[in-house]
Protein backbone atom coordinates (compact mmCIF):
# COMPACT_ATOMS: atom_id res chain seq x y z
CA MET A 1 92.21 108.56 81.29
CA ASN A 2 92.28 105.95 78.58
CA PRO A 3 94.20 102.72 79.42
CA ASP A 4 95.48 102.91 75.84
CA ASP A 5 97.31 106.14 76.63
CA PRO A 6 99.73 107.06 73.82
CA LEU A 7 102.60 107.56 76.29
CA ALA A 8 102.01 104.81 78.87
CA ALA A 9 101.22 101.11 78.73
CA PHE A 10 100.07 99.09 81.74
CA LYS A 11 101.20 95.51 82.22
CA THR A 12 102.70 93.07 84.74
CA SER A 13 105.62 94.62 86.62
CA ALA A 14 108.53 93.00 88.46
CA ILE A 15 108.28 95.80 91.03
CA HIS A 16 104.72 95.10 92.10
CA GLY A 17 101.62 93.75 90.35
CA THR A 18 100.69 95.95 87.42
CA GLY A 19 102.98 98.81 86.45
CA GLY A 20 103.13 101.66 83.98
CA PHE A 21 105.73 101.61 81.19
CA ALA A 22 106.77 104.17 78.58
CA ARG A 23 105.37 103.30 75.14
CA LEU A 24 108.07 105.40 73.47
CA ASN A 25 111.11 107.47 74.38
CA LEU A 26 110.12 110.41 76.59
CA ARG A 27 112.16 113.57 77.00
CA LYS A 28 113.05 115.24 80.28
CA GLY A 29 110.25 117.59 81.32
CA GLN A 30 107.61 115.90 79.17
CA ARG A 31 104.12 115.66 80.68
CA ILE A 32 103.30 111.94 80.97
CA ILE A 33 100.01 111.22 82.71
CA GLU A 34 97.30 112.95 84.71
CA ARG A 35 96.50 111.96 88.29
CA ILE A 36 92.71 111.82 88.33
CA GLY A 37 89.98 110.65 90.64
CA PRO A 38 86.93 111.81 92.52
CA ARG A 39 87.35 115.20 94.16
CA LEU A 40 87.52 115.04 97.95
CA ALA A 41 86.70 117.99 100.17
CA GLU A 42 89.28 118.85 102.83
CA VAL A 43 86.88 117.72 105.59
CA ASP A 44 86.71 114.21 104.04
CA LEU A 45 90.48 113.68 103.94
CA PRO A 46 91.04 112.36 107.50
CA ALA A 47 88.47 109.57 107.07
CA LYS A 48 89.95 108.51 103.71
CA GLN A 49 93.50 108.60 105.10
CA ASP A 50 92.49 106.57 108.18
CA VAL A 51 91.53 103.63 105.96
CA GLY A 52 94.99 103.64 104.38
CA ASN A 53 94.18 105.27 101.05
CA ALA A 54 97.64 105.75 99.53
CA SER A 55 96.36 107.43 96.36
CA ILE A 56 95.27 110.82 97.69
CA PHE A 57 96.88 113.90 96.17
CA LEU A 58 96.28 117.38 97.52
CA LEU A 59 95.29 119.69 94.69
CA ASP A 60 94.78 122.99 96.50
CA ALA A 61 93.62 124.44 99.82
CA THR A 62 90.05 123.24 99.26
CA GLY A 63 90.59 119.57 98.55
CA ALA A 64 92.30 116.61 96.91
CA ASP A 65 91.67 113.82 94.47
CA GLU A 66 91.44 110.13 95.26
CA GLY A 67 93.38 108.21 92.63
CA SER A 68 92.62 104.67 93.80
CA VAL A 69 89.51 104.28 91.66
CA ALA A 70 89.50 101.40 89.15
CA TRP A 71 89.23 103.65 86.09
CA HIS A 72 92.41 105.58 86.92
CA PRO A 73 95.46 103.94 85.28
CA ALA A 74 98.08 106.27 86.84
CA ARG A 75 97.40 104.42 90.10
CA PHE A 76 99.53 101.62 88.63
CA LEU A 77 102.73 103.69 88.59
CA ASN A 78 104.88 101.90 91.15
CA PRO A 79 107.09 103.64 93.69
CA SER A 80 110.85 103.45 93.27
CA GLY A 81 114.03 104.67 94.95
CA ASP A 82 115.07 105.97 91.49
CA PRO A 83 111.87 107.40 90.01
CA SER A 84 111.33 108.24 86.38
CA GLY A 85 108.30 110.32 87.29
CA ASP A 86 108.40 113.77 88.86
CA LEU A 87 111.50 114.17 91.09
CA THR A 88 109.49 114.68 94.27
CA GLY A 89 106.88 112.07 93.43
CA GLU A 90 104.26 114.76 93.82
CA PRO A 91 102.34 115.79 90.73
CA ARG A 92 102.51 119.33 89.42
CA ILE A 93 99.20 121.08 89.91
CA GLU A 94 98.02 123.03 86.88
CA CYS A 95 94.57 124.65 86.83
CA GLY A 96 93.34 122.23 89.52
CA ARG A 97 94.63 119.15 87.68
CA ALA A 98 97.57 117.00 88.80
CA TRP A 99 100.12 115.82 86.20
CA LEU A 100 103.25 113.67 86.45
CA TYR A 101 106.24 114.80 84.39
CA ALA A 102 109.46 113.06 83.45
CA TRP A 103 112.35 114.51 85.44
CA ARG A 104 114.84 112.75 83.19
CA ALA A 105 114.81 111.09 79.75
CA ILE A 106 112.90 107.80 79.83
CA GLN A 107 113.47 105.00 77.33
CA ALA A 108 110.65 103.12 75.61
CA ASN A 109 109.51 100.12 77.74
CA GLU A 110 111.13 101.57 80.89
CA ALA A 111 108.98 101.45 84.03
CA LEU A 112 107.25 104.73 84.89
CA THR A 113 107.75 105.18 88.62
CA SER A 114 107.58 107.87 91.27
CA HIS A 115 108.80 108.34 94.82
CA ASP A 116 106.62 106.88 97.52
CA GLY A 117 104.92 109.50 99.69
CA ASN A 118 104.72 107.41 102.88
CA GLY A 119 106.18 108.33 106.24
CA LEU A 120 108.20 106.06 108.53
CA SER A 121 105.24 104.67 110.47
CA GLY A 122 104.81 101.02 109.49
CA TYR A 123 107.65 101.09 106.94
CA PRO A 124 108.73 97.43 107.56
CA ASP A 125 105.37 96.33 106.10
CA ARG A 126 105.94 98.26 102.85
CA ILE A 127 108.71 96.30 101.13
CA CYS A 128 109.93 97.83 97.87
CA ARG A 129 111.19 95.59 95.07
CA CYS A 130 112.27 98.31 92.64
CA GLY A 131 115.93 97.24 92.74
CA ALA A 132 117.27 100.79 92.46
CA ALA A 133 120.68 101.37 94.06
CA ALA A 134 119.34 104.39 95.99
CA CYS A 135 116.30 102.51 97.33
CA VAL A 136 116.22 101.73 101.07
CA GLY A 137 114.11 98.62 100.41
CA PHE A 138 110.92 100.02 101.91
CA GLY A 139 108.19 102.33 100.65
CA VAL A 140 109.05 105.65 102.27
CA ALA A 141 109.11 109.19 100.97
CA ALA A 142 112.52 110.35 99.72
CA HIS A 143 113.04 112.72 102.67
CA TYR A 144 112.72 109.73 105.06
CA ALA A 145 115.33 107.57 103.31
CA ALA A 146 118.21 108.65 105.57
CA SER A 147 116.13 108.04 108.73
CA CYS A 148 115.09 104.63 107.40
CA ARG A 149 118.73 103.67 106.68
CA LYS A 150 119.73 104.78 110.19
CA ARG A 151 116.96 102.66 111.76
CA LEU A 152 118.01 99.65 109.69
CA ARG A 153 121.68 99.99 110.80
CA SER A 154 120.65 100.16 114.47
CA THR A 155 118.65 96.92 114.38
């Protein structure tokens, strides 16, 4: 993937470090960027996950890709409680390749974000600064948001 992608620019982000931004207006359903990285066999996944690799995406029953490599710009798409990327935060798998799509119209210069895929374990250490109204303030997958809110109310 070329860092000079025609649809995405990568620069300093208020959410976290470097972020991806739309270079131009994108329409709902438009394919934005490919998730790429070295192919990992299924047997290698536990070791990679044990060291906290947050950029692993399952591609099929035989393996996954590791998107944390330096030459992979989609790794800079920050998580958000109101993502502009695919609604589930998971890429769509097409012919063994993972792509992120816009689930709504995205304006030029708007941050390209996706849902975080993390569970509840260790959530207090994953502070989210996206500022979205729906965000629980921590990096957790969308289906954990209600549980996270409940835990926060009980503390």
